[in-house]
Amino acid sequence: MKEFKNILYATDFSESSDYAFQYAFSLARKYDARLLLVHVINEPVDLRGFYVPHISFEKLEEEILQGAQKMMEKFCRTHLGDFKNYEPFILPGIPYDEIIKKADEQQADLIVMGTHGRTGLDHVLFGSTAEKVVRKSNVPVMTIRINEE
C-alpha cells in the first residue's frame, strides 16, 4: 500500500470541509504524515476604478486575509489538539488552481477535500472546486461528501 508522507487538506471552513477533515486527520495520524491545511481566498472582483464608498480595495483584501488567518488559527486550535506535524496555508487565487499548485509544490501524496454535492443549475452556475481538482490534479484526490440526511 502507498505510504503517505504529505497529505493536503483543502478547506473552505464549511460543514462539508469539516467532515472531510476527519478523513485527512485520520490518515495523517495513521501514516505519521505531514498535514498541509490549505484555504484559498477566492480573488474578489477588482473594483479599482469604480466608485465604492467607504472602503478601499486594498483595505478589503487586507481584512479578508486577516479574517481567513483568524479562521485558520481557530480551526487548528479546535481540531488538531496535540498533533504538531502540520502547516497551514492561506492563499489568494482560484481555489482549484491554488490547491493543485500547492499539492505539487509540497509534493503531496494525496489531496483530501469535501464536496457540497451540488446538482443541476446550482452546479452549472457555481461549478465544483472538488470536481476541477479531481480532473486536473496529478496527485490522487479523495473527495468526501457529507451525509445530508
N, C-alpha and C. Protein backbone atom coordinates (compact mmCIF):
# COMPACT_ATOMS: atom_id res chain seq x y z
N MET A 1 0.84 -1.19 0.00
CA MET A 1 0.00 0.00 0.00
C MET A 1 0.88 1.25 0.00
N LYS A 2 0.39 2.27 -0.61
CA LYS A 2 1.08 3.55 -0.70
C LYS A 2 1.27 4.17 0.68
N GLU A 3 2.47 4.64 0.93
CA GLU A 3 2.75 5.37 2.17
C GLU A 3 2.51 6.85 1.90
N PHE A 4 1.83 7.50 2.80
CA PHE A 4 1.55 8.92 2.65
C PHE A 4 2.51 9.71 3.55
N LYS A 5 3.27 10.62 2.94
CA LYS A 5 4.20 11.45 3.70
C LYS A 5 3.65 12.87 3.85
N ASN A 6 2.93 13.33 2.84
CA ASN A 6 2.35 14.68 2.83
C ASN A 6 0.91 14.59 2.35
N ILE A 7 -0.01 15.00 3.20
CA ILE A 7 -1.43 14.99 2.85
C ILE A 7 -1.93 16.42 2.85
N LEU A 8 -2.47 16.84 1.72
CA LEU A 8 -3.02 18.19 1.62
C LEU A 8 -4.52 18.11 1.87
N TYR A 9 -4.96 18.89 2.83
CA TYR A 9 -6.38 19.01 3.15
C TYR A 9 -6.83 20.41 2.76
N ALA A 10 -7.79 20.49 1.85
CA ALA A 10 -8.31 21.78 1.39
C ALA A 10 -9.61 22.08 2.12
N THR A 11 -9.72 23.30 2.64
CA THR A 11 -10.92 23.66 3.38
C THR A 11 -11.46 25.02 2.98
N ASP A 12 -12.78 25.11 3.00
CA ASP A 12 -13.44 26.42 2.86
C ASP A 12 -14.15 26.76 4.17
N PHE A 13 -13.82 26.00 5.22
CA PHE A 13 -14.37 26.14 6.57
C PHE A 13 -15.87 25.85 6.64
N SER A 14 -16.38 25.13 5.67
CA SER A 14 -17.80 24.76 5.67
C SER A 14 -17.98 23.45 6.45
N GLU A 15 -19.24 23.09 6.65
CA GLU A 15 -19.55 21.84 7.34
C GLU A 15 -19.02 20.64 6.56
N SER A 16 -19.13 20.67 5.24
CA SER A 16 -18.63 19.53 4.45
C SER A 16 -17.11 19.45 4.51
N SER A 17 -16.43 20.58 4.59
CA SER A 17 -14.97 20.57 4.74
C SER A 17 -14.57 20.01 6.10
N ASP A 18 -15.30 20.41 7.14
CA ASP A 18 -15.01 19.88 8.48
C ASP A 18 -15.18 18.37 8.51
N TYR A 19 -16.21 17.88 7.83
CA TYR A 19 -16.46 16.44 7.78
C TYR A 19 -15.30 15.73 7.07
N ALA A 20 -14.81 16.30 5.98
CA ALA A 20 -13.70 15.71 5.24
C ALA A 20 -12.41 15.72 6.07
N PHE A 21 -12.29 16.71 6.96
CA PHE A 21 -11.09 16.81 7.79
C PHE A 21 -10.87 15.54 8.61
N GLN A 22 -11.94 14.94 9.08
CA GLN A 22 -11.81 13.71 9.88
C GLN A 22 -11.01 12.64 9.13
N TYR A 23 -11.23 12.56 7.82
CA TYR A 23 -10.52 11.58 6.99
C TYR A 23 -9.05 11.97 6.82
N ALA A 24 -8.83 13.23 6.51
CA ALA A 24 -7.46 13.71 6.31
C ALA A 24 -6.64 13.55 7.59
N PHE A 25 -7.23 13.91 8.71
CA PHE A 25 -6.54 13.85 10.00
C PHE A 25 -6.26 12.40 10.40
N SER A 26 -7.22 11.52 10.18
CA SER A 26 -7.04 10.11 10.49
C SER A 26 -5.89 9.51 9.67
N LEU A 27 -5.84 9.83 8.40
CA LEU A 27 -4.76 9.34 7.54
C LEU A 27 -3.40 9.92 7.96
N ALA A 28 -3.38 11.21 8.29
CA ALA A 28 -2.13 11.85 8.71
C ALA A 28 -1.60 11.18 9.98
N ARG A 29 -2.49 10.88 10.91
CA ARG A 29 -2.07 10.21 12.15
C ARG A 29 -1.59 8.78 11.86
N LYS A 30 -2.35 8.07 11.07
CA LYS A 30 -2.02 6.66 10.77
C LYS A 30 -0.65 6.53 10.10
N TYR A 31 -0.36 7.42 9.16
CA TYR A 31 0.88 7.33 8.39
C TYR A 31 1.97 8.27 8.92
N ASP A 32 1.70 8.94 10.03
CA ASP A 32 2.65 9.92 10.57
C ASP A 32 3.06 10.91 9.46
N ALA A 33 2.06 11.35 8.73
CA ALA A 33 2.29 12.24 7.58
C ALA A 33 2.16 13.70 7.99
N ARG A 34 2.81 14.55 7.24
CA ARG A 34 2.66 16.00 7.43
C ARG A 34 1.32 16.39 6.82
N LEU A 35 0.54 17.15 7.56
CA LEU A 35 -0.78 17.59 7.10
C LEU A 35 -0.69 19.05 6.66
N LEU A 36 -0.97 19.28 5.40
CA LEU A 36 -0.95 20.62 4.82
C LEU A 36 -2.38 21.13 4.78
N LEU A 37 -2.69 22.16 5.54
CA LEU A 37 -4.04 22.71 5.59
C LEU A 37 -4.10 23.92 4.67
N VAL A 38 -4.94 23.86 3.64
CA VAL A 38 -4.99 24.92 2.63
C VAL A 38 -6.37 25.53 2.57
N HIS A 39 -6.39 26.85 2.67
CA HIS A 39 -7.62 27.62 2.44
C HIS A 39 -7.29 28.65 1.37
N VAL A 40 -8.13 28.70 0.34
CA VAL A 40 -7.91 29.65 -0.75
C VAL A 40 -8.95 30.76 -0.67
N ILE A 41 -8.44 31.99 -0.64
CA ILE A 41 -9.32 33.15 -0.68
C ILE A 41 -9.60 33.42 -2.15
N ASN A 42 -10.84 33.21 -2.54
CA ASN A 42 -11.23 33.47 -3.92
C ASN A 42 -10.99 34.94 -4.21
N GLU A 43 -10.22 35.23 -5.25
CA GLU A 43 -9.90 36.62 -5.56
C GLU A 43 -11.16 37.41 -5.81
N PRO A 44 -11.35 38.51 -5.06
CA PRO A 44 -12.54 39.32 -5.29
C PRO A 44 -12.46 40.04 -6.62
N VAL A 45 -13.60 40.43 -7.10
CA VAL A 45 -13.66 41.19 -8.35
C VAL A 45 -12.87 42.48 -8.14
N ASP A 46 -12.05 42.82 -9.08
CA ASP A 46 -11.25 44.04 -8.98
C ASP A 46 -12.15 45.25 -9.19
N LEU A 47 -12.34 46.01 -8.13
CA LEU A 47 -13.24 47.16 -8.17
C LEU A 47 -12.48 48.48 -8.34
N ARG A 48 -11.17 48.41 -8.54
CA ARG A 48 -10.41 49.64 -8.73
C ARG A 48 -10.95 50.37 -9.96
N GLY A 49 -11.08 51.67 -9.83
CA GLY A 49 -11.60 52.46 -10.94
C GLY A 49 -13.10 52.68 -10.84
N PHE A 50 -13.77 51.93 -9.96
CA PHE A 50 -15.20 52.11 -9.75
C PHE A 50 -15.40 52.81 -8.42
N TYR A 51 -16.51 53.47 -8.27
CA TYR A 51 -16.81 54.15 -7.03
C TYR A 51 -17.38 53.16 -6.02
N VAL A 52 -16.60 52.90 -4.97
CA VAL A 52 -17.05 52.04 -3.89
C VAL A 52 -16.87 52.86 -2.61
N PRO A 53 -17.95 53.34 -2.06
CA PRO A 53 -17.83 54.24 -0.91
C PRO A 53 -17.30 53.54 0.34
N HIS A 54 -16.52 54.28 1.11
CA HIS A 54 -16.09 53.92 2.46
C HIS A 54 -15.10 52.77 2.58
N ILE A 55 -14.60 52.23 1.51
CA ILE A 55 -13.61 51.15 1.67
C ILE A 55 -12.73 51.09 0.42
N SER A 56 -11.46 50.94 0.64
CA SER A 56 -10.54 50.80 -0.49
C SER A 56 -10.38 49.32 -0.81
N PHE A 57 -10.01 49.04 -2.03
CA PHE A 57 -9.81 47.66 -2.47
C PHE A 57 -8.71 47.00 -1.64
N GLU A 58 -7.61 47.74 -1.40
CA GLU A 58 -6.50 47.19 -0.62
C GLU A 58 -6.94 46.86 0.81
N LYS A 59 -7.75 47.74 1.39
CA LYS A 59 -8.25 47.52 2.76
C LYS A 59 -9.15 46.28 2.80
N LEU A 60 -10.00 46.12 1.79
CA LEU A 60 -10.87 44.96 1.71
C LEU A 60 -10.05 43.67 1.64
N GLU A 61 -9.04 43.64 0.77
CA GLU A 61 -8.18 42.46 0.65
C GLU A 61 -7.49 42.14 1.98
N GLU A 62 -7.01 43.18 2.65
CA GLU A 62 -6.33 43.01 3.93
C GLU A 62 -7.27 42.43 4.98
N GLU A 63 -8.50 42.94 5.04
CA GLU A 63 -9.48 42.45 6.01
C GLU A 63 -9.88 41.00 5.73
N ILE A 64 -10.03 40.67 4.46
CA ILE A 64 -10.36 39.29 4.09
C ILE A 64 -9.23 38.35 4.51
N LEU A 65 -7.99 38.73 4.25
CA LEU A 65 -6.83 37.92 4.61
C LEU A 65 -6.75 37.74 6.13
N GLN A 66 -6.92 38.82 6.88
CA GLN A 66 -6.87 38.73 8.34
C GLN A 66 -7.99 37.82 8.88
N GLY A 67 -9.19 37.94 8.30
CA GLY A 67 -10.31 37.09 8.71
C GLY A 67 -10.02 35.62 8.44
N ALA A 68 -9.45 35.33 7.27
CA ALA A 68 -9.12 33.94 6.91
C ALA A 68 -8.04 33.39 7.83
N GLN A 69 -7.06 34.21 8.18
CA GLN A 69 -5.99 33.76 9.08
C GLN A 69 -6.56 33.44 10.47
N LYS A 70 -7.48 34.27 10.95
CA LYS A 70 -8.11 34.01 12.25
C LYS A 70 -8.93 32.72 12.21
N MET A 71 -9.64 32.50 11.11
CA MET A 71 -10.42 31.26 10.98
C MET A 71 -9.50 30.04 10.96
N MET A 72 -8.37 30.14 10.27
CA MET A 72 -7.42 29.03 10.20
C MET A 72 -6.82 28.76 11.58
N GLU A 73 -6.46 29.81 12.30
CA GLU A 73 -5.90 29.64 13.64
C GLU A 73 -6.91 28.96 14.55
N LYS A 74 -8.14 29.39 14.50
CA LYS A 74 -9.20 28.79 15.32
C LYS A 74 -9.41 27.33 14.93
N PHE A 75 -9.43 27.06 13.62
CA PHE A 75 -9.60 25.70 13.13
C PHE A 75 -8.49 24.80 13.69
N CYS A 76 -7.25 25.26 13.61
CA CYS A 76 -6.12 24.46 14.09
C CYS A 76 -6.21 24.22 15.59
N ARG A 77 -6.54 25.25 16.35
CA ARG A 77 -6.68 25.10 17.81
C ARG A 77 -7.78 24.09 18.15
N THR A 78 -8.89 24.18 17.43
CA THR A 78 -10.06 23.36 17.73
C THR A 78 -9.89 21.90 17.29
N HIS A 79 -9.26 21.68 16.15
CA HIS A 79 -9.26 20.35 15.54
C HIS A 79 -7.96 19.54 15.70
N LEU A 80 -6.84 20.18 15.93
CA LEU A 80 -5.57 19.45 15.87
C LEU A 80 -5.05 18.96 17.21
N GLY A 81 -5.51 19.53 18.31
CA GLY A 81 -5.07 19.07 19.62
C GLY A 81 -3.57 19.05 19.76
N ASP A 82 -3.00 17.88 20.10
CA ASP A 82 -1.56 17.76 20.31
C ASP A 82 -0.80 17.41 19.03
N PHE A 83 -1.49 17.31 17.91
CA PHE A 83 -0.85 16.99 16.63
C PHE A 83 -0.01 18.18 16.18
N LYS A 84 1.27 17.96 15.93
CA LYS A 84 2.18 19.07 15.60
C LYS A 84 2.70 19.05 14.16
N ASN A 85 2.49 17.94 13.46
CA ASN A 85 3.06 17.79 12.12
C ASN A 85 2.11 18.35 11.05
N TYR A 86 1.93 19.66 11.09
CA TYR A 86 1.04 20.31 10.13
C TYR A 86 1.59 21.68 9.74
N GLU A 87 1.08 22.17 8.62
CA GLU A 87 1.45 23.51 8.16
C GLU A 87 0.23 24.14 7.48
N PRO A 88 -0.21 25.29 7.98
CA PRO A 88 -1.36 25.97 7.37
C PRO A 88 -0.93 26.92 6.25
N PHE A 89 -1.79 27.05 5.25
CA PHE A 89 -1.55 27.96 4.14
C PHE A 89 -2.83 28.72 3.82
N ILE A 90 -2.74 30.04 3.72
CA ILE A 90 -3.84 30.87 3.24
C ILE A 90 -3.34 31.45 1.92
N LEU A 91 -4.05 31.13 0.85
CA LEU A 91 -3.59 31.53 -0.49
C LEU A 91 -4.67 32.31 -1.23
N PRO A 92 -4.29 33.39 -1.90
CA PRO A 92 -5.26 34.07 -2.75
C PRO A 92 -5.27 33.43 -4.14
N GLY A 93 -6.41 33.43 -4.79
CA GLY A 93 -6.44 32.91 -6.15
C GLY A 93 -7.71 32.14 -6.46
N ILE A 94 -7.61 31.34 -7.49
CA ILE A 94 -8.72 30.48 -7.92
C ILE A 94 -8.55 29.17 -7.17
N PRO A 95 -9.55 28.79 -6.36
CA PRO A 95 -9.37 27.66 -5.45
C PRO A 95 -8.79 26.39 -6.07
N TYR A 96 -9.39 25.86 -7.12
CA TYR A 96 -8.88 24.59 -7.66
C TYR A 96 -7.45 24.72 -8.15
N ASP A 97 -7.12 25.85 -8.74
CA ASP A 97 -5.79 26.09 -9.27
C ASP A 97 -4.74 26.15 -8.16
N GLU A 98 -5.05 26.88 -7.10
CA GLU A 98 -4.12 27.03 -5.98
C GLU A 98 -3.95 25.73 -5.21
N ILE A 99 -5.00 24.95 -5.07
CA ILE A 99 -4.91 23.66 -4.39
C ILE A 99 -3.97 22.73 -5.15
N ILE A 100 -4.13 22.68 -6.45
CA ILE A 100 -3.27 21.83 -7.29
C ILE A 100 -1.82 22.31 -7.24
N LYS A 101 -1.62 23.62 -7.35
CA LYS A 101 -0.25 24.17 -7.30
C LYS A 101 0.43 23.85 -5.98
N LYS A 102 -0.29 24.03 -4.88
CA LYS A 102 0.29 23.78 -3.55
C LYS A 102 0.59 22.29 -3.37
N ALA A 103 -0.28 21.43 -3.87
CA ALA A 103 -0.03 19.98 -3.78
C ALA A 103 1.24 19.61 -4.52
N ASP A 104 1.42 20.16 -5.71
CA ASP A 104 2.64 19.89 -6.48
C ASP A 104 3.87 20.46 -5.78
N GLU A 105 3.76 21.70 -5.33
CA GLU A 105 4.88 22.39 -4.68
C GLU A 105 5.34 21.68 -3.41
N GLN A 106 4.39 21.15 -2.64
CA GLN A 106 4.70 20.50 -1.36
C GLN A 106 4.86 18.99 -1.50
N GLN A 107 4.83 18.49 -2.72
CA GLN A 107 4.97 17.06 -3.00
C GLN A 107 3.96 16.23 -2.21
N ALA A 108 2.70 16.67 -2.27
CA ALA A 108 1.63 15.94 -1.58
C ALA A 108 1.42 14.59 -2.24
N ASP A 109 1.13 13.60 -1.41
CA ASP A 109 0.83 12.25 -1.90
C ASP A 109 -0.67 12.05 -2.08
N LEU A 110 -1.46 12.95 -1.46
CA LEU A 110 -2.91 12.84 -1.51
C LEU A 110 -3.52 14.20 -1.20
N ILE A 111 -4.62 14.51 -1.89
CA ILE A 111 -5.43 15.69 -1.59
C ILE A 111 -6.74 15.17 -1.02
N VAL A 112 -7.17 15.73 0.10
CA VAL A 112 -8.45 15.37 0.71
C VAL A 112 -9.29 16.62 0.79
N MET A 113 -10.53 16.53 0.30
CA MET A 113 -11.42 17.69 0.35
C MET A 113 -12.87 17.26 0.35
N GLY A 114 -13.69 18.10 0.92
CA GLY A 114 -15.12 17.85 0.93
C GLY A 114 -15.75 18.33 -0.35
N THR A 115 -16.93 17.81 -0.60
CA THR A 115 -17.71 18.28 -1.74
C THR A 115 -19.11 18.58 -1.26
N HIS A 116 -19.69 19.64 -1.82
CA HIS A 116 -21.02 20.07 -1.38
C HIS A 116 -22.13 19.27 -2.03
N GLY A 117 -21.81 18.55 -3.09
CA GLY A 117 -22.83 17.73 -3.75
C GLY A 117 -23.88 18.53 -4.48
N ARG A 118 -23.48 19.68 -5.01
CA ARG A 118 -24.44 20.48 -5.78
C ARG A 118 -24.82 19.75 -7.06
N THR A 119 -26.05 19.96 -7.48
CA THR A 119 -26.52 19.34 -8.71
C THR A 119 -27.28 20.37 -9.53
N GLY A 120 -27.60 19.98 -10.74
CA GLY A 120 -28.45 20.80 -11.60
C GLY A 120 -27.89 22.18 -11.88
N LEU A 121 -28.76 23.17 -11.89
CA LEU A 121 -28.39 24.54 -12.23
C LEU A 121 -27.37 25.10 -11.26
N ASP A 122 -27.51 24.77 -9.99
CA ASP A 122 -26.56 25.23 -8.98
C ASP A 122 -25.14 24.78 -9.34
N HIS A 123 -25.00 23.52 -9.77
CA HIS A 123 -23.69 23.00 -10.16
C HIS A 123 -23.17 23.70 -11.42
N VAL A 124 -24.06 23.94 -12.37
CA VAL A 124 -23.66 24.59 -13.63
C VAL A 124 -23.20 26.03 -13.35
N LEU A 125 -23.92 26.74 -12.50
CA LEU A 125 -23.60 28.14 -12.22
C LEU A 125 -22.34 28.29 -11.38
N PHE A 126 -22.18 27.44 -10.36
CA PHE A 126 -21.07 27.61 -9.43
C PHE A 126 -19.91 26.66 -9.70
N GLY A 127 -20.16 25.61 -10.46
CA GLY A 127 -19.11 24.64 -10.72
C GLY A 127 -18.74 23.90 -9.45
N SER A 128 -17.76 23.09 -9.53
CA SER A 128 -17.33 22.34 -8.36
C SER A 128 -15.81 22.40 -8.28
N THR A 129 -15.33 23.01 -7.21
CA THR A 129 -13.89 23.05 -7.00
C THR A 129 -13.35 21.63 -6.91
N ALA A 130 -14.03 20.78 -6.15
CA ALA A 130 -13.57 19.40 -6.00
C ALA A 130 -13.49 18.69 -7.35
N GLU A 131 -14.51 18.88 -8.18
CA GLU A 131 -14.52 18.22 -9.49
C GLU A 131 -13.34 18.70 -10.34
N LYS A 132 -13.06 19.99 -10.30
CA LYS A 132 -11.94 20.53 -11.09
C LYS A 132 -10.60 20.02 -10.57
N VAL A 133 -10.47 19.90 -9.25
CA VAL A 133 -9.24 19.36 -8.69
C VAL A 133 -9.07 17.90 -9.12
N VAL A 134 -10.14 17.12 -9.05
CA VAL A 134 -10.08 15.71 -9.46
C VAL A 134 -9.64 15.61 -10.92
N ARG A 135 -10.24 16.43 -11.79
CA ARG A 135 -9.95 16.33 -13.22
C ARG A 135 -8.54 16.81 -13.59
N LYS A 136 -8.01 17.80 -12.86
CA LYS A 136 -6.77 18.44 -13.30
C LYS A 136 -5.53 18.08 -12.47
N SER A 137 -5.70 17.45 -11.32
CA SER A 137 -4.57 17.17 -10.43
C SER A 137 -3.77 15.96 -10.89
N ASN A 138 -2.46 16.06 -10.70
CA ASN A 138 -1.57 14.92 -10.92
C ASN A 138 -1.48 14.05 -9.67
N VAL A 139 -2.01 14.58 -8.56
CA VAL A 139 -1.98 13.91 -7.27
C VAL A 139 -3.34 13.24 -7.05
N PRO A 140 -3.37 12.04 -6.48
CA PRO A 140 -4.66 11.41 -6.17
C PRO A 140 -5.50 12.32 -5.25
N VAL A 141 -6.81 12.29 -5.47
CA VAL A 141 -7.73 13.14 -4.72
C VAL A 141 -8.81 12.28 -4.08
N MET A 142 -9.00 12.49 -2.78
CA MET A 142 -10.09 11.83 -2.07
C MET A 142 -11.14 12.90 -1.78
N THR A 143 -12.33 12.72 -2.33
CA THR A 143 -13.42 13.66 -2.05
C THR A 143 -14.39 12.99 -1.09
N ILE A 144 -14.84 13.77 -0.13
CA ILE A 144 -15.75 13.28 0.91
C ILE A 144 -17.02 14.09 0.85
N ARG A 145 -18.12 13.40 0.68
CA ARG A 145 -19.42 14.07 0.65
C ARG A 145 -20.12 13.82 1.98
N ILE A 146 -20.55 14.89 2.60
CA ILE A 146 -21.24 14.79 3.88
C ILE A 146 -22.62 14.17 3.67
N ASN A 147 -23.02 13.31 4.60
CA ASN A 147 -24.38 12.75 4.54
C ASN A 147 -25.35 13.82 4.98
N GLU A 148 -26.26 14.19 4.12
CA GLU A 148 -27.21 15.25 4.43
C GLU A 148 -28.59 14.66 4.68
N GLU A 149 -28.66 13.73 5.63
CA GLU A 149 -29.92 13.04 5.93
C GLU A 149 -30.72 13.81 6.92
